[in-house]
């Protein structure tokens, strides 16, 4: 059969000599794996559809009983140019994609997870990330995946905890000493969760750790950090 579904590319890998295999989180089918044949050739078509951080209507040929579909076309809605033009936004967006990949089983749709990822990328495409956005995204994804913590832990203020779970992303920039302490404790919660749930560390977390190490010593540009 051939189906069309709106989705966001989470990651891609090169397979064989000229193919790509991509993981897409779709709106009505959940996480699916799709192969794009021949797209790495100079004349290859559908290359844009097989790039991470592409939101599109994906047309996929799927055989009954198959584990992987074959890309058959589609219509791109956004490549998030605002994200791609800024390294901090790009790395955060890729982090969200990696979390979604790790915390979603194959072929089990969840409209809430799709909407969370889509709304986060839409915000990053227009605005710089607030300092609590990374943690808020994980807490909300934990809730949708069945790992949610209804009550705050580590002495985190209940109002602060609720804000991380329910406030608009644009309202998640904190500056007071008290709020920054709560955010630091939230970071501890996030790291404990990831350490307990993921057998392998997330690749994107290393970037944020490196930024924190640099910011605690001397100011440098994000670009310089990423290349060191």
Protein backbone atom coordinates (compact mmCIF):
# COMPACT_ATOMS: atom_id res chain seq x y z
CA UNK A 1 0.00 0.00 0.00
CA UNK A 2 0.96 3.65 -0.32
CA UNK A 3 0.15 6.11 2.44
CA UNK A 4 0.80 9.80 3.03
CA UNK A 5 1.35 11.17 6.51
CA UNK A 6 2.69 14.37 7.97
CA UNK A 7 5.88 13.90 9.94
CA UNK A 8 9.26 15.20 11.09
CA UNK A 9 12.57 13.53 10.26
CA UNK A 10 14.39 12.63 13.48
CA UNK A 11 17.60 11.20 12.03
CA UNK A 12 19.15 9.60 8.97
CA UNK A 13 21.95 7.15 8.19
CA UNK A 14 23.59 6.23 4.90
CA UNK A 15 22.92 2.65 3.85
CA UNK A 16 24.46 0.64 1.02
CA UNK A 17 26.28 2.87 -1.46
CA UNK A 18 23.70 5.50 -2.37
CA UNK A 19 20.68 4.92 -0.10
CA UNK A 20 19.55 6.60 3.08
CA UNK A 21 17.45 5.18 5.87
CA UNK A 22 15.56 7.76 7.90
CA UNK A 23 13.47 7.69 11.05
CA UNK A 24 10.33 9.83 10.86
CA UNK A 25 7.89 10.62 13.63
CA UNK A 26 4.54 10.84 11.90
CA UNK A 27 1.31 12.35 13.08
CA UNK A 28 -0.94 9.28 12.75
CA UNK A 29 1.46 6.31 12.54
CA UNK A 30 4.05 7.16 15.15
CA UNK A 31 7.73 6.44 14.51
CA UNK A 32 8.43 4.77 11.19
CA UNK A 33 11.58 3.81 9.29
CA UNK A 34 11.76 4.70 5.61
CA UNK A 35 14.44 3.94 3.01
CA UNK A 36 15.20 6.42 0.25
CA UNK A 37 16.86 4.65 -2.61
CA UNK A 38 19.61 6.30 -4.62
CA UNK A 39 19.29 9.74 -3.00
CA UNK A 40 23.05 10.05 -2.39
CA UNK A 41 23.77 10.00 -6.12
CA UNK A 42 24.46 13.44 -7.64
CA UNK A 43 21.20 13.12 -9.56
CA UNK A 44 19.31 11.57 -6.67
CA UNK A 45 15.78 12.78 -6.02
CA UNK A 46 14.01 13.23 -2.68
CA UNK A 47 17.26 14.07 -0.91
CA UNK A 48 15.63 17.01 0.87
CA UNK A 49 12.92 14.73 2.25
CA UNK A 50 15.57 12.54 3.90
CA UNK A 51 17.28 15.26 5.94
CA UNK A 52 16.85 15.66 9.71
CA UNK A 53 14.60 18.51 10.82
CA UNK A 54 12.35 18.42 7.79
CA UNK A 55 8.61 18.62 8.30
CA UNK A 56 6.68 17.25 5.33
CA UNK A 57 3.83 15.16 4.03
CA UNK A 58 5.70 11.92 3.35
CA UNK A 59 4.47 9.52 0.70
CA UNK A 60 5.59 6.00 1.56
CA UNK A 61 5.22 2.61 -0.10
CA UNK A 62 4.72 -0.04 2.58
CA UNK A 63 4.45 -3.78 1.99
CA UNK A 64 2.31 -5.82 4.35
CA UNK A 65 4.44 -7.20 7.16
CA UNK A 66 7.47 -5.07 6.29
CA UNK A 67 9.55 -3.31 8.96
CA UNK A 68 10.71 -0.54 6.63
CA UNK A 69 8.89 1.53 4.03
CA UNK A 70 10.25 3.00 0.81
CA UNK A 71 10.06 6.74 0.17
CA UNK A 72 7.89 7.58 -2.82
CA UNK A 73 7.73 11.37 -2.69
CA UNK A 74 6.18 14.07 -0.57
CA UNK A 75 5.62 17.75 0.02
CA UNK A 76 7.88 19.76 2.33
CA UNK A 77 6.20 22.14 4.76
CA UNK A 78 9.28 23.50 6.55
CA UNK A 79 13.01 22.95 6.88
CA UNK A 80 13.15 25.35 9.86
CA UNK A 81 15.61 27.90 8.43
CA UNK A 82 15.71 29.87 11.69
CA UNK A 83 16.98 26.79 13.49
CA UNK A 84 19.58 25.94 10.87
CA UNK A 85 21.02 29.46 10.96
CA UNK A 86 21.95 29.28 14.66
CA UNK A 87 24.12 26.59 16.24
CA UNK A 88 22.51 26.74 19.68
CA UNK A 89 19.03 26.32 18.22
CA UNK A 90 20.21 23.57 15.87
CA UNK A 91 21.78 21.50 18.64
CA UNK A 92 18.72 21.90 20.85
CA UNK A 93 16.43 20.86 18.00
CA UNK A 94 18.57 17.78 17.31
CA UNK A 95 18.45 17.01 21.04
CA UNK A 96 14.65 17.08 20.93
CA UNK A 97 14.72 14.76 17.91
CA UNK A 98 17.08 12.35 19.64
CA UNK A 99 14.91 12.28 22.76
CA UNK A 100 11.83 11.63 20.65
CA UNK A 101 13.63 8.80 18.87
CA UNK A 102 14.76 7.20 22.13
CA UNK A 103 11.38 7.53 23.87
CA UNK A 104 8.98 6.40 21.15
CA UNK A 105 8.37 2.77 20.14
CA UNK A 106 7.93 1.90 16.49
CA UNK A 107 4.49 2.24 14.92
CA UNK A 108 2.71 3.43 18.06
CA UNK A 109 1.16 6.83 17.31
CA UNK A 110 0.88 9.47 19.99
CA UNK A 111 -0.58 12.78 18.89
CA UNK A 112 0.70 14.50 22.03
CA UNK A 113 4.31 13.54 21.30
CA UNK A 114 4.02 14.76 17.73
CA UNK A 115 2.46 18.06 18.80
CA UNK A 116 5.14 18.55 21.47
CA UNK A 117 7.97 18.11 18.99
CA UNK A 118 6.28 20.22 16.31
CA UNK A 119 5.54 23.07 18.73
CA UNK A 120 9.09 23.04 20.12
CA UNK A 121 10.63 23.22 16.64
CA UNK A 122 8.19 25.96 15.60
CA UNK A 123 9.23 28.03 18.62
CA UNK A 124 12.95 27.50 17.99
CA UNK A 125 12.49 28.46 14.37
CA UNK A 126 11.30 31.92 15.44
CA UNK A 127 12.95 32.62 18.77
CA UNK A 128 16.15 31.91 20.73
CA UNK A 129 15.63 29.12 23.26
CA UNK A 130 14.74 30.13 26.83
CA UNK A 131 17.05 28.62 29.43
CA UNK A 132 14.49 26.10 30.75
CA UNK A 133 13.21 24.85 27.38
CA UNK A 134 15.45 21.79 27.23
CA UNK A 135 14.30 20.54 30.62
CA UNK A 136 10.66 21.42 30.01
CA UNK A 137 10.65 19.41 26.78
CA UNK A 138 12.03 16.31 28.52
CA UNK A 139 9.59 16.55 31.43
CA UNK A 140 6.65 16.85 29.03
CA UNK A 141 7.90 13.97 26.92
CA UNK A 142 8.34 11.88 30.09
CA UNK A 143 4.71 12.59 30.96
CA UNK A 144 3.52 11.51 27.52
CA UNK A 145 5.66 8.36 27.64
CA UNK A 146 4.31 7.29 31.03
CA UNK A 147 7.30 8.35 33.15
CA UNK A 148 5.87 11.60 34.44
CA UNK A 149 6.44 12.93 37.95
CA UNK A 150 3.21 14.52 39.12
CA UNK A 151 4.79 15.98 42.25
CA UNK A 152 8.09 17.90 42.28
CA UNK A 153 11.17 16.30 43.81
CA UNK A 154 14.45 17.54 45.33
CA UNK A 155 12.66 20.46 46.99
CA UNK A 156 11.67 22.09 43.69
CA UNK A 157 8.87 24.64 44.07
CA UNK A 158 5.48 23.29 42.92
CA UNK A 159 4.61 26.43 40.94
CA UNK A 160 7.98 26.27 39.15
CA UNK A 161 7.41 22.56 38.42
CA UNK A 162 3.98 23.21 36.94
CA UNK A 163 5.33 26.01 34.81
CA UNK A 164 7.89 23.66 33.28
CA UNK A 165 5.09 21.26 32.41
CA UNK A 166 2.39 23.62 31.15
CA UNK A 167 3.64 27.14 30.35
CA UNK A 168 4.28 28.35 26.82
CA UNK A 169 7.90 27.84 25.80
CA UNK A 170 8.33 31.60 25.56
CA UNK A 171 7.62 31.94 29.28
CA UNK A 172 10.41 29.60 30.37
CA UNK A 173 13.32 32.03 30.71
CA UNK A 174 14.31 32.29 34.38
CA UNK A 175 16.75 34.71 35.95
CA UNK A 176 16.19 34.93 39.71
CA UNK A 177 18.66 33.15 41.96
CA UNK A 178 15.87 31.00 43.41
CA UNK A 179 14.54 29.93 40.01
CA UNK A 180 18.03 29.14 38.73
CA UNK A 181 18.54 26.90 41.75
CA UNK A 182 15.28 25.10 40.96
CA UNK A 183 16.43 24.76 37.34
CA UNK A 184 19.72 23.24 38.48
CA UNK A 185 17.79 20.69 40.55
CA UNK A 186 15.59 19.96 37.54
CA UNK A 187 18.74 19.26 35.55
CA UNK A 188 19.65 16.66 38.19
CA UNK A 189 16.23 15.05 37.77
CA UNK A 190 16.67 14.97 33.99
CA UNK A 191 20.14 13.42 34.17
CA UNK A 192 19.02 10.76 36.63
CA UNK A 193 16.12 9.83 34.38
CA UNK A 194 18.29 9.58 31.26
CA UNK A 195 20.94 7.56 33.09
CA UNK A 196 18.32 5.09 34.32
CA UNK A 197 16.40 4.72 31.05
CA UNK A 198 18.97 4.87 28.26
CA UNK A 199 21.59 2.15 27.90
CA UNK A 200 23.71 4.48 25.79
CA UNK A 201 24.10 8.21 26.58
CA UNK A 202 22.43 10.65 24.23
CA UNK A 203 24.89 12.01 21.68
CA UNK A 204 23.51 15.54 21.93
CA UNK A 205 23.92 15.86 25.71
CA UNK A 206 27.70 16.10 25.32
CA UNK A 207 27.26 19.42 23.50
CA UNK A 208 25.43 21.01 26.41
CA UNK A 209 27.96 19.67 28.88
CA UNK A 210 30.73 21.23 26.85
CA UNK A 211 28.94 24.57 26.75
CA UNK A 212 28.52 24.47 30.54
CA UNK A 213 32.21 23.68 31.02
CA UNK A 214 33.22 26.61 28.83
CA UNK A 215 30.76 29.08 30.38
CA UNK A 216 32.17 28.30 33.82
CA UNK A 217 35.71 29.20 32.69
CA UNK A 218 35.87 31.88 30.00
CA UNK A 219 33.47 33.24 27.35
CA UNK A 220 33.80 31.72 23.88
CA UNK A 221 31.53 31.54 20.91
CA UNK A 222 29.33 28.49 20.43
CA UNK A 223 30.94 27.96 17.06
CA UNK A 224 34.42 27.84 18.55
CA UNK A 225 33.24 25.38 21.19
CA UNK A 226 31.68 23.12 18.61
CA UNK A 227 34.89 22.94 16.60
CA UNK A 228 37.30 22.41 19.47
